[in-house]
PDB file of N, CA and C in Angstrom:
ATOM      1  N   MET A   1       0.944  -1.366  -0.198  1.00  0.00           N
ATOM      2  CA  MET A   1      -0.257  -0.324   0.003  1.00  0.00           C
ATOM      3  C   MET A   1       0.906   1.485  -0.010  1.00  0.00           C
ATOM      4  N   PRO A   2       1.472   1.675   0.925  1.00  0.00           N
ATOM      5  CA  PRO A   2       2.703   2.463   1.049  1.00  0.00           C
ATOM      6  C   PRO A   2       3.369   2.952  -0.277  1.00  0.00           C
ATOM      7  N   ALA A   3       3.562   1.863  -1.517  1.00  0.00           N
ATOM      8  CA  ALA A   3       4.241   2.139  -2.741  1.00  0.00           C
ATOM      9  C   ALA A   3       3.204   2.598  -3.836  1.00  0.00           C
ATOM     10  N   LEU A   4       2.009   1.681  -3.539  1.00  0.00           N
ATOM     11  CA  LEU A   4       0.996   2.230  -4.680  1.00  0.00           C
ATOM     12  C   LEU A   4       1.044   4.014  -4.022  1.00  0.00           C
ATOM     13  N   LEU A   5       1.037   4.115  -2.805  1.00  0.00           N
ATOM     14  CA  LEU A   5       0.400   5.395  -2.633  1.00  0.00           C
ATOM     15  C   LEU A   5       1.693   6.585  -2.887  1.00  0.00           C
ATOM     16  N   GLY A   6       2.752   6.030  -3.154  1.00  0.00           N
ATOM     17  CA  GLY A   6       3.972   6.608  -3.095  1.00  0.00           C
ATOM     18  C   GLY A   6       4.661   6.781  -5.153  1.00  0.00           C
ATOM     19  N   SER A   7       3.600   5.811  -5.854  1.00  0.00           N
ATOM     20  CA  SER A   7       3.389   6.086  -7.065  1.00  0.00           C
ATOM     21  C   SER A   7       2.614   7.283  -7.156  1.00  0.00           C
ATOM     22  N   VAL A   8       1.223   7.132  -6.527  1.00  0.00           N
ATOM     23  CA  VAL A   8       0.202   8.349  -6.507  1.00  0.00           C
ATOM     24  C   VAL A   8       0.704  10.134  -6.699  1.00  0.00           C
ATOM     25  N   VAL A   9       1.803   9.668  -5.853  1.00  0.00           N
ATOM     26  CA  VAL A   9       2.527  11.119  -5.542  1.00  0.00           C
ATOM     27  C   VAL A   9       3.738  11.828  -6.383  1.00  0.00           C
ATOM     28  N   LEU A  10       4.576  10.699  -6.577  1.00  0.00           N
ATOM     29  CA  LEU A  10       5.274  10.504  -7.980  1.00  0.00           C
ATOM     30  C   LEU A  10       4.626  11.093  -9.043  1.00  0.00           C
ATOM     31  N   THR A  11       3.438  10.795  -9.709  1.00  0.00           N
ATOM     32  CA  THR A  11       2.734  11.272 -10.978  1.00  0.00           C
ATOM     33  C   THR A  11       2.098  12.138 -10.359  1.00  0.00           C
ATOM     34  N   ALA A  12       1.454  12.687  -9.450  1.00  0.00           N
ATOM     35  CA  ALA A  12       0.854  13.984  -9.531  1.00  0.00           C
ATOM     36  C   ALA A  12       2.580  15.032  -9.274  1.00  0.00           C
ATOM     37  N   LEU A  13       3.559  14.410  -8.813  1.00  0.00           N
ATOM     38  CA  LEU A  13       4.452  15.474  -8.997  1.00  0.00           C
ATOM     39  C   LEU A  13       5.224  15.602  -9.981  1.00  0.00           C
ATOM     40  N   TRP A  14       4.762  15.196 -10.721  1.00  0.00           N
ATOM     41  CA  TRP A  14       6.468  14.861 -12.246  1.00  0.00           C
ATOM     42  C   TRP A  14       4.738  15.262 -13.030  1.00  0.00           C
ATOM     43  N   ALA A  15       3.862  15.166 -13.160  1.00  0.00           N
ATOM     44  CA  ALA A  15       2.577  15.338 -14.106  1.00  0.00           C
ATOM     45  C   ALA A  15       2.670  16.354 -15.014  1.00  0.00           C
ATOM     46  N   PRO A  16       3.404  17.856 -14.350  1.00  0.00           N
ATOM     47  CA  PRO A  16       3.375  18.882 -14.972  1.00  0.00           C
ATOM     48  C   PRO A  16       4.565  18.542 -16.352  1.00  0.00           C
ATOM     49  N   MET A  17       5.528  17.969 -15.885  1.00  0.00           N
ATOM     50  CA  MET A  17       6.761  17.808 -16.694  1.00  0.00           C
ATOM     51  C   MET A  17       6.800  18.169 -18.591  1.00  0.00           C
ATOM     52  N   PRO A  18       5.438  17.402 -19.262  1.00  0.00           N
ATOM     53  CA  PRO A  18       5.519  17.182 -20.585  1.00  0.00           C
ATOM     54  C   PRO A  18       5.560  18.467 -20.863  1.00  0.00           C
ATOM     55  N   TRP A  19       5.010  19.419 -20.097  1.00  0.00           N
ATOM     56  CA  TRP A  19       4.659  20.725 -20.703  1.00  0.00           C
ATOM     57  C   TRP A  19       5.603  21.628 -20.137  1.00  0.00           C
ATOM     58  N   TRP A  20       6.521  20.942 -19.703  1.00  0.00           N
ATOM     59  CA  TRP A  20       7.754  22.073 -19.509  1.00  0.00           C
ATOM     60  C   TRP A  20       8.160  23.599 -20.338  1.00  0.00           C
ATOM     61  N   TRP A  21       7.999  23.029 -21.463  1.00  0.00           N
ATOM     62  CA  TRP A  21       8.739  23.932 -22.189  1.00  0.00           C
ATOM     63  C   TRP A  21       7.563  25.146 -22.353  1.00  0.00           C
ATOM     64  N   THR A  22       6.648  25.341 -22.149  1.00  0.00           N
ATOM     65  CA  THR A  22       5.462  26.346 -22.078  1.00  0.00           C
ATOM     66  C   THR A  22       5.988  27.159 -20.302  1.00  0.00           C
ATOM     67  N   PHE A  23       6.242  26.584 -19.690  1.00  0.00           N
ATOM     68  CA  PHE A  23       6.892  27.064 -18.363  1.00  0.00           C
ATOM     69  C   PHE A  23       8.075  28.705 -19.310  1.00  0.00           C
ATOM     70  N   PRO A  24       7.704  29.355 -18.247  1.00  0.00           N
ATOM     71  CA  PRO A  24       8.846  30.874 -18.539  1.00  0.00           C
ATOM     72  C   PRO A  24      10.005  30.548 -17.942  1.00  0.00           C
ATOM     73  N   HIS A  25      11.286  30.332 -18.477  1.00  0.00           N
ATOM     74  CA  HIS A  25      12.367  30.564 -17.744  1.00  0.00           C
ATOM     75  C   HIS A  25      13.450  31.266 -18.482  1.00  0.00           C
ATOM     76  N   GLU A  26      13.333  32.409 -18.054  1.00  0.00           N
ATOM     77  CA  GLU A  26      14.134  33.363 -18.477  1.00  0.00           C
ATOM     78  C   GLU A  26      15.669  32.878 -18.072  1.00  0.00           C
ATOM     79  N   ASP A  27      15.937  32.892 -17.428  1.00  0.00           N
ATOM     80  CA  ASP A  27      17.473  32.602 -16.394  1.00  0.00           C
ATOM     81  C   ASP A  27      18.131  31.490 -17.401  1.00  0.00           C
ATOM     82  N   MET A  28      17.407  30.962 -18.207  1.00  0.00           N
ATOM     83  CA  MET A  28      18.489  29.975 -18.827  1.00  0.00           C
ATOM     84  C   MET A  28      18.609  30.070 -20.638  1.00  0.00           C
ATOM     85  N   THR A  29      19.367  29.693 -20.970  1.00  0.00           N
ATOM     86  CA  THR A  29      19.527  29.934 -22.354  1.00  0.00           C
ATOM     87  C   THR A  29      18.597  28.791 -22.810  1.00  0.00           C
ATOM     88  N   HIS A  30      18.825  28.626 -24.224  1.00  0.00           N
ATOM     89  CA  HIS A  30      17.737  28.187 -24.971  1.00  0.00           C
ATOM     90  C   HIS A  30      18.499  26.528 -25.247  1.00  0.00           C
ATOM     91  N   THR A  31      19.764  26.296 -25.506  1.00  0.00           N
ATOM     92  CA  THR A  31      20.071  24.873 -24.900  1.00  0.00           C
ATOM     93  C   THR A  31      19.335  24.964 -23.528  1.00  0.00           C
ATOM     94  N   GLY A  32      20.030  24.885 -22.526  1.00  0.00           N
ATOM     95  CA  GLY A  32      19.635  24.957 -21.338  1.00  0.00           C
ATOM     96  C   GLY A  32      18.477  24.164 -21.259  1.00  0.00           C
ATOM     97  N   HIS A  33      18.064  24.844 -21.668  1.00  0.00           N
ATOM     98  CA  HIS A  33      15.639  25.074 -21.717  1.00  0.00           C
ATOM     99  C   HIS A  33      15.315  23.759 -22.404  1.00  0.00           C
ATOM    100  N   VAL A  34      16.155  23.554 -23.297  1.00  0.00           N
ATOM    101  CA  VAL A  34      16.236  22.048 -24.111  1.00  0.00           C
ATOM    102  C   VAL A  34      16.459  20.882 -23.366  1.00  0.00           C
ATOM    103  N   LEU A  35      17.642  21.166 -23.037  1.00  0.00           N
ATOM    104  CA  LEU A  35      18.356  19.529 -22.509  1.00  0.00           C
ATOM    105  C   LEU A  35      17.963  20.099 -20.921  1.00  0.00           C
ATOM    106  N   VAL A  36      17.052  20.568 -20.234  1.00  0.00           N
ATOM    107  CA  VAL A  36      16.127  20.031 -18.751  1.00  0.00           C
ATOM    108  C   VAL A  36      15.465  19.631 -19.482  1.00  0.00           C
ATOM    109  N   GLY A  37      14.819  20.243 -20.363  1.00  0.00           N
ATOM    110  CA  GLY A  37      13.328  19.660 -20.287  1.00  0.00           C
ATOM    111  C   GLY A  37      13.477  18.034 -21.229  1.00  0.00           C
ATOM    112  N   ILE A  38      14.486  17.631 -21.705  1.00  0.00           N
ATOM    113  CA  ILE A  38      14.427  16.181 -22.434  1.00  0.00           C
ATOM    114  C   ILE A  38      15.043  15.356 -21.295  1.00  0.00           C
ATOM    115  N   LEU A  39      15.581  15.623 -20.480  1.00  0.00           N
ATOM    116  CA  LEU A  39      16.822  14.667 -19.867  1.00  0.00           C
ATOM    117  C   LEU A  39      15.590  14.763 -18.343  1.00  0.00           C
ATOM    118  N   HIS A  40      14.575  15.324 -17.867  1.00  0.00           N
ATOM    119  CA  HIS A  40      13.727  15.320 -17.131  1.00  0.00           C
ATOM    120  C   HIS A  40      12.134  14.715 -17.960  1.00  0.00           C
ATOM    121  N   GLN A  41      12.445  14.053 -18.522  1.00  0.00           N
ATOM    122  CA  GLN A  41      11.127  13.776 -19.354  1.00  0.00           C
ATOM    123  C   GLN A  41      10.976  12.172 -18.013  1.00  0.00           C
ATOM    124  N   PRO A  42      12.253  11.374 -18.176  1.00  0.00           N
ATOM    125  CA  PRO A  42      11.992   9.964 -17.986  1.00  0.00           C
ATOM    126  C   PRO A  42      11.163   9.950 -16.364  1.00  0.00           C
ATOM    127  N   LEU A  43      11.586  11.141 -15.779  1.00  0.00           N
ATOM    128  CA  LEU A  43      10.476  11.157 -14.343  1.00  0.00           C
ATOM    129  C   LEU A  43       9.362  10.983 -14.539  1.00  0.00           C
ATOM    130  N   VAL A  44       8.830  11.518 -15.293  1.00  0.00           N
ATOM    131  CA  VAL A  44       7.333  11.221 -15.475  1.00  0.00           C
ATOM    132  C   VAL A  44       6.786  10.066 -15.749  1.00  0.00           C
ATOM    133  N   LEU A  45       7.685   8.910 -15.862  1.00  0.00           N
ATOM    134  CA  LEU A  45       7.210   7.355 -15.736  1.00  0.00           C
ATOM    135  C   LEU A  45       7.441   6.475 -15.017  1.00  0.00           C
ATOM    136  N   TRP A  46       8.311   7.682 -13.879  1.00  0.00           N
ATOM    137  CA  TRP A  46       8.491   7.099 -12.124  1.00  0.00           C
ATOM    138  C   TRP A  46       7.707   6.282 -11.692  1.00  0.00           C
ATOM    139  N   GLY A  47       6.705   7.346 -11.354  1.00  0.00           N
ATOM    140  CA  GLY A  47       5.114   7.330 -10.830  1.00  0.00           C
ATOM    141  C   GLY A  47       4.494   5.849 -11.243  1.00  0.00           C
ATOM    142  N   PRO A  48       3.984   6.361 -12.409  1.00  0.00           N
ATOM    143  CA  PRO A  48       3.364   4.520 -13.229  1.00  0.00           C
ATOM    144  C   PRO A  48       4.200   3.219 -13.151  1.00  0.00           C
ATOM    145  N   LEU A  49       5.679   3.283 -13.546  1.00  0.00           N
ATOM    146  CA  LEU A  49       6.452   2.463 -12.585  1.00  0.00           C
ATOM    147  C   LEU A  49       6.750   1.925 -11.646  1.00  0.00           C
ATOM    148  N   VAL A  50       6.721   2.785 -10.808  1.00  0.00           N
ATOM    149  CA  VAL A  50       6.450   1.931  -9.614  1.00  0.00           C
ATOM    150  C   VAL A  50       5.034   1.518  -9.140  1.00  0.00           C
ATOM    151  N   ALA A  51       4.028   1.850  -9.282  1.00  0.00           N
ATOM    152  CA  ALA A  51       2.764   1.190  -9.591  1.00  0.00           C
ATOM    153  C   ALA A  51       2.918   0.201  -9.976  1.00  0.00           C
ATOM    154  N   ALA A  52       3.431  -0.444 -11.460  1.00  0.00           N
ATOM    155  CA  ALA A  52       3.411  -1.433 -11.678  1.00  0.00           C
ATOM    156  C   ALA A  52       4.220  -2.267 -10.967  1.00  0.00           C
ATOM    157  N   VAL A  53       5.519  -2.295 -10.859  1.00  0.00           N
ATOM    158  CA  VAL A  53       5.837  -3.243  -9.637  1.00  0.00           C
ATOM    159  C   VAL A  53       5.424  -3.642  -8.641  1.00  0.00           C
ATOM    160  N   ALA A  54       4.696  -2.199  -8.136  1.00  0.00           N
ATOM    161  CA  ALA A  54       3.870  -2.612  -6.398  1.00  0.00           C
ATOM    162  C   ALA A  54       2.651  -3.780  -6.897  1.00  0.00           C
ATOM    163  N   VAL A  55       2.322  -3.531  -8.223  1.00  0.00           N
ATOM    164  CA  VAL A  55       0.783  -4.347  -8.082  1.00  0.00           C
ATOM    165  C   VAL A  55       1.257  -5.979  -8.826  1.00  0.00           C
ATOM    166  N   SER A  56       2.821  -6.469  -9.266  1.00  0.00           N
ATOM    167  CA  SER A  56       3.246  -7.159  -9.898  1.00  0.00           C
ATOM    168  C   SER A  56       4.009  -7.382  -8.219  1.00  0.00           C
ATOM    169  N   TYR A  57       3.893  -7.242  -7.436  1.00  0.00           N
ATOM    170  CA  TYR A  57       5.284  -7.770  -6.154  1.00  0.00           C
ATOM    171  C   TYR A  57       3.011  -8.090  -5.758  1.00  0.00           C
ATOM    172  N   TYR A  58       2.172  -7.302  -5.742  1.00  0.00           N
ATOM    173  CA  TYR A  58       1.041  -7.493  -4.736  1.00  0.00           C
ATOM    174  C   TYR A  58       0.709  -9.283  -4.902  1.00  0.00           C
ATOM    175  N   ARG A  59       0.766  -9.135  -6.598  1.00  0.00           N
ATOM    176  CA  ARG A  59       0.102 -10.480  -7.152  1.00  0.00           C
ATOM    177  C   ARG A  59       0.720 -11.754  -7.002  1.00  0.00           C
ATOM    178  N   ARG A  60       2.323 -11.428  -6.476  1.00  0.00           N
ATOM    179  CA  ARG A  60       3.492 -12.371  -6.828  1.00  0.00           C
ATOM    180  C   ARG A  60       2.960 -12.616  -4.903  1.00  0.00           C
ATOM    181  N   ARG A  61       3.094 -11.863  -4.176  1.00  0.00           N
ATOM    182  CA  ARG A  61       2.476 -12.301  -2.997  1.00  0.00           C
ATOM    183  C   ARG A  61       1.607 -13.141  -2.302  1.00  0.00           C
ATOM    184  N   ARG A  62       0.831 -12.261  -3.254  1.00  0.00           N
ATOM    185  CA  ARG A  62      -0.403 -12.818  -2.811  1.00  0.00           C
ATOM    186  C   ARG A  62      -0.894 -14.578  -3.653  1.00  0.00           C
ATOM    187  N   HIS A  63      -0.065 -15.471  -4.666  1.00  0.00           N
ATOM    188  CA  HIS A  63      -0.293 -16.336  -5.124  1.00  0.00           C
ATOM    189  C   HIS A  63       0.818 -17.402  -3.897  1.00  0.00           C
ATOM    190  N   ALA A  64       1.784 -16.387  -3.553  1.00  0.00           N
ATOM    191  CA  ALA A  64       2.575 -17.561  -2.610  1.00  0.00           C
ATOM    192  C   ALA A  64       1.865 -17.494  -1.323  1.00  0.00           C
ATOM    193  N   ALA A  65       0.804 -17.166  -0.625  1.00  0.00           N
ATOM    194  CA  ALA A  65       0.278 -16.847   0.331  1.00  0.00           C
ATOM    195  C   ALA A  65      -1.045 -17.711   0.560  1.00  0.00           C
ATOM    196  N   THR A  66      -1.543 -17.780  -0.705  1.00  0.00           N
ATOM    197  CA  THR A  66      -2.795 -18.484  -0.811  1.00  0.00           C
ATOM    198  C   THR A  66      -2.695 -19.714  -1.142  1.00  0.00           C
ATOM    199  N   GLY A  67      -1.377 -20.022  -1.285  1.00  0.00           N
ATOM    200  CA  GLY A  67      -0.808 -21.915  -1.711  1.00  0.00           C
ATOM    201  C   GLY A  67      -1.556 -21.741  -3.354  1.00  0.00           C
ATOM    202  N   VAL A  68      -1.452 -20.794  -3.913  1.00  0.00           N
ATOM    203  CA  VAL A  68      -2.432 -20.772  -5.730  1.00  0.00           C
ATOM    204  C   VAL A  68      -1.652 -22.079  -6.287  1.00  0.00           C
ATOM    205  N   ALA A  69      -1.093 -22.832  -6.453  1.00  0.00           N
ATOM    206  CA  ALA A  69      -0.284 -23.961  -7.979  1.00  0.00           C
ATOM    207  C   ALA A  69      -0.286 -22.934  -9.083  1.00  0.00           C
ATOM    208  N   ARG A  70       0.837 -22.447  -9.676  1.00  0.00           N
ATOM    209  CA  ARG A  70       1.157 -21.809 -10.782  1.00  0.00           C
ATOM    210  C   ARG A  70       1.289 -23.215 -11.945  1.00  0.00           C
ATOM    211  N   ARG A  71       1.339 -22.767 -13.190  1.00  0.00           N
ATOM    212  CA  ARG A  71       1.490 -23.692 -14.204  1.00  0.00           C
ATOM    213  C   ARG A  71       2.986 -23.872 -13.836  1.00  0.00           C
ATOM    214  N   PRO A  72       3.287 -25.077 -14.298  1.00  0.00           N
ATOM    215  CA  PRO A  72       4.654 -25.217 -14.084  1.00  0.00           C
ATOM    216  C   PRO A  72       5.551 -24.934 -15.369  1.00  0.00           C
ATOM    217  N   ARG A  73       6.948 -24.236 -15.528  1.00  0.00           N
ATOM    218  CA  ARG A  73       7.398 -24.024 -16.198  1.00  0.00           C
ATOM    219  C   ARG A  73       7.762 -25.530 -17.069  1.00  0.00           C
ATOM    220  N   THR A  74       7.696 -25.285 -18.636  1.00  0.00           N
ATOM    221  CA  THR A  74       8.108 -26.074 -19.380  1.00  0.00           C
ATOM    222  C   THR A  74       9.576 -25.862 -19.532  1.00  0.00           C
ATOM    223  N   PRO A  75      10.978 -27.385 -19.125  1.00  0.00           N
ATOM    224  CA  PRO A  75      12.262 -27.187 -19.468  1.00  0.00           C
ATOM    225  C   PRO A  75      12.491 -27.179 -21.158  1.00  0.00           C
ATOM    226  N   LEU A  76      13.709 -26.530 -21.042  1.00  0.00           N
ATOM    227  CA  LEU A  76      13.995 -25.962 -22.602  1.00  0.00           C
ATOM    228  C   LEU A  76      14.586 -27.383 -22.765  1.00  0.00           C
ATOM    229  N   ALA A  77      14.286 -27.634 -23.861  1.00  0.00           N
ATOM    230  CA  ALA A  77      14.873 -28.348 -25.191  1.00  0.00           C
ATOM    231  C   ALA A  77      15.975 -28.662 -25.094  1.00  0.00           C
ATOM    232  N   PRO A  78      16.368 -29.693 -25.241  1.00  0.00           N
ATOM    233  CA  PRO A  78      17.633 -30.480 -24.934  1.00  0.00           C
ATOM    234  C   PRO A  78      18.709 -30.102 -26.206  1.00  0.00           C
ATOM    235  N   LEU A  79      19.193 -29.394 -26.069  1.00  0.00           N
ATOM    236  CA  LEU A  79      20.771 -29.104 -27.114  1.00  0.00           C
ATOM    237  C   LEU A  79      20.974 -30.709 -27.838  1.00  0.00           C
ATOM    238  N   ALA A  80      21.328 -30.425 -29.300  1.00  0.00           N
ATOM    239  CA  ALA A  80      22.150 -31.029 -30.093  1.00  0.00           C
ATOM    240  C   ALA A  80      22.975 -31.794 -29.306  1.00  0.00           C
ATOM    241  N   PRO A  81      23.473 -32.974 -29.668  1.00  0.00           N
ATOM    242  CA  PRO A  81      24.624 -33.552 -29.249  1.00  0.00           C
ATOM    243  C   PRO A  81      25.733 -32.770 -30.409  1.00  0.00           C
ATOM    244  N   ARG A  82      26.868 -32.707 -29.642  1.00  0.00           N
ATOM    245  CA  ARG A  82      28.256 -31.600 -30.714  1.00  0.00           C
ATOM    246  C   ARG A  82      28.764 -32.952 -31.444  1.00  0.00           C
ATOM    247  N   THR A  83      29.586 -32.997 -32.230  1.00  0.00           N
ATOM    248  CA  THR A  83      30.153 -33.733 -32.998  1.00  0.00           C
ATOM    249  C   THR A  83      32.034 -33.113 -31.905  1.00  0.00           C
ATOM    250  N   PRO A  84      32.720 -34.136 -31.903  1.00  0.00           N
ATOM    251  CA  PRO A  84      34.002 -33.365 -31.320  1.00  0.00           C
ATOM    252  C   PRO A  84      34.892 -33.153 -32.960  1.00  0.00           C
ATOM    253  N   ARG A  85      35.595 -31.717 -32.244  1.00  0.00           N
ATOM    254  CA  ARG A  85      36.111 -31.839 -33.564  1.00  0.00           C
ATOM    255  C   ARG A  85      37.771 -32.024 -33.760  1.00  0.00           C
ATOM    256  N   THR A  86      38.377 -32.543 -34.411  1.00  0.00           N
ATOM    257  CA  THR A  86      39.417 -32.820 -34.353  1.00  0.00           C
ATOM    258  C   THR A  86      40.552 -31.609 -34.704  1.00  0.00           C
ATOM    259  N   PRO A  87      41.569 -31.247 -34.497  1.00  0.00           N
ATOM    260  CA  PRO A  87      42.420 -31.018 -34.653  1.00  0.00           C
ATOM    261  C   PRO A  87      42.997 -30.289 -35.947  1.00  0.00           C
ATOM    262  N   HIS A  88      42.837 -29.074 -36.616  1.00  0.00           N
ATOM    263  CA  HIS A  88      42.987 -28.986 -37.807  1.00  0.00           C
ATOM    264  C   HIS A  88      42.014 -29.230 -38.686  1.00  0.00           C
ATOM    265  N   GLY A  89      40.754 -29.427 -38.276  1.00  0.00           N
ATOM    266  CA  GLY A  89      39.555 -29.954 -39.095  1.00  0.00           C
ATOM    267  C   GLY A  89      39.415 -31.410 -39.920  1.00  0.00           C
ATOM    268  N   ARG A  90      40.535 -32.126 -39.274  1.00  0.00           N
ATOM    269  CA  ARG A  90      40.830 -33.751 -39.818  1.00  0.00           C
ATOM    270  C   ARG A  90      39.476 -34.534 -39.590  1.00  0.00           C
TER     271      ARG A  90
END
């Protein structure tokens, strides 16, 4: 629950970031303005990604607590036997 609350706070905190270029920044150069705007864009995804991880963790823990068996994973297909190589291709 705390992680979901944190994801909501992060989403609300960084939600205005896509509109970085609409806010006035008179003390920055044009290059600095563009660079800061681009470098801060991944922060917009921080909240939703924390929410996805929290939900995944909850689902995994719920399955472990209830004892519900998951579908077993299939083993990898065996590799074909390798033919031994002799030195110099003979």
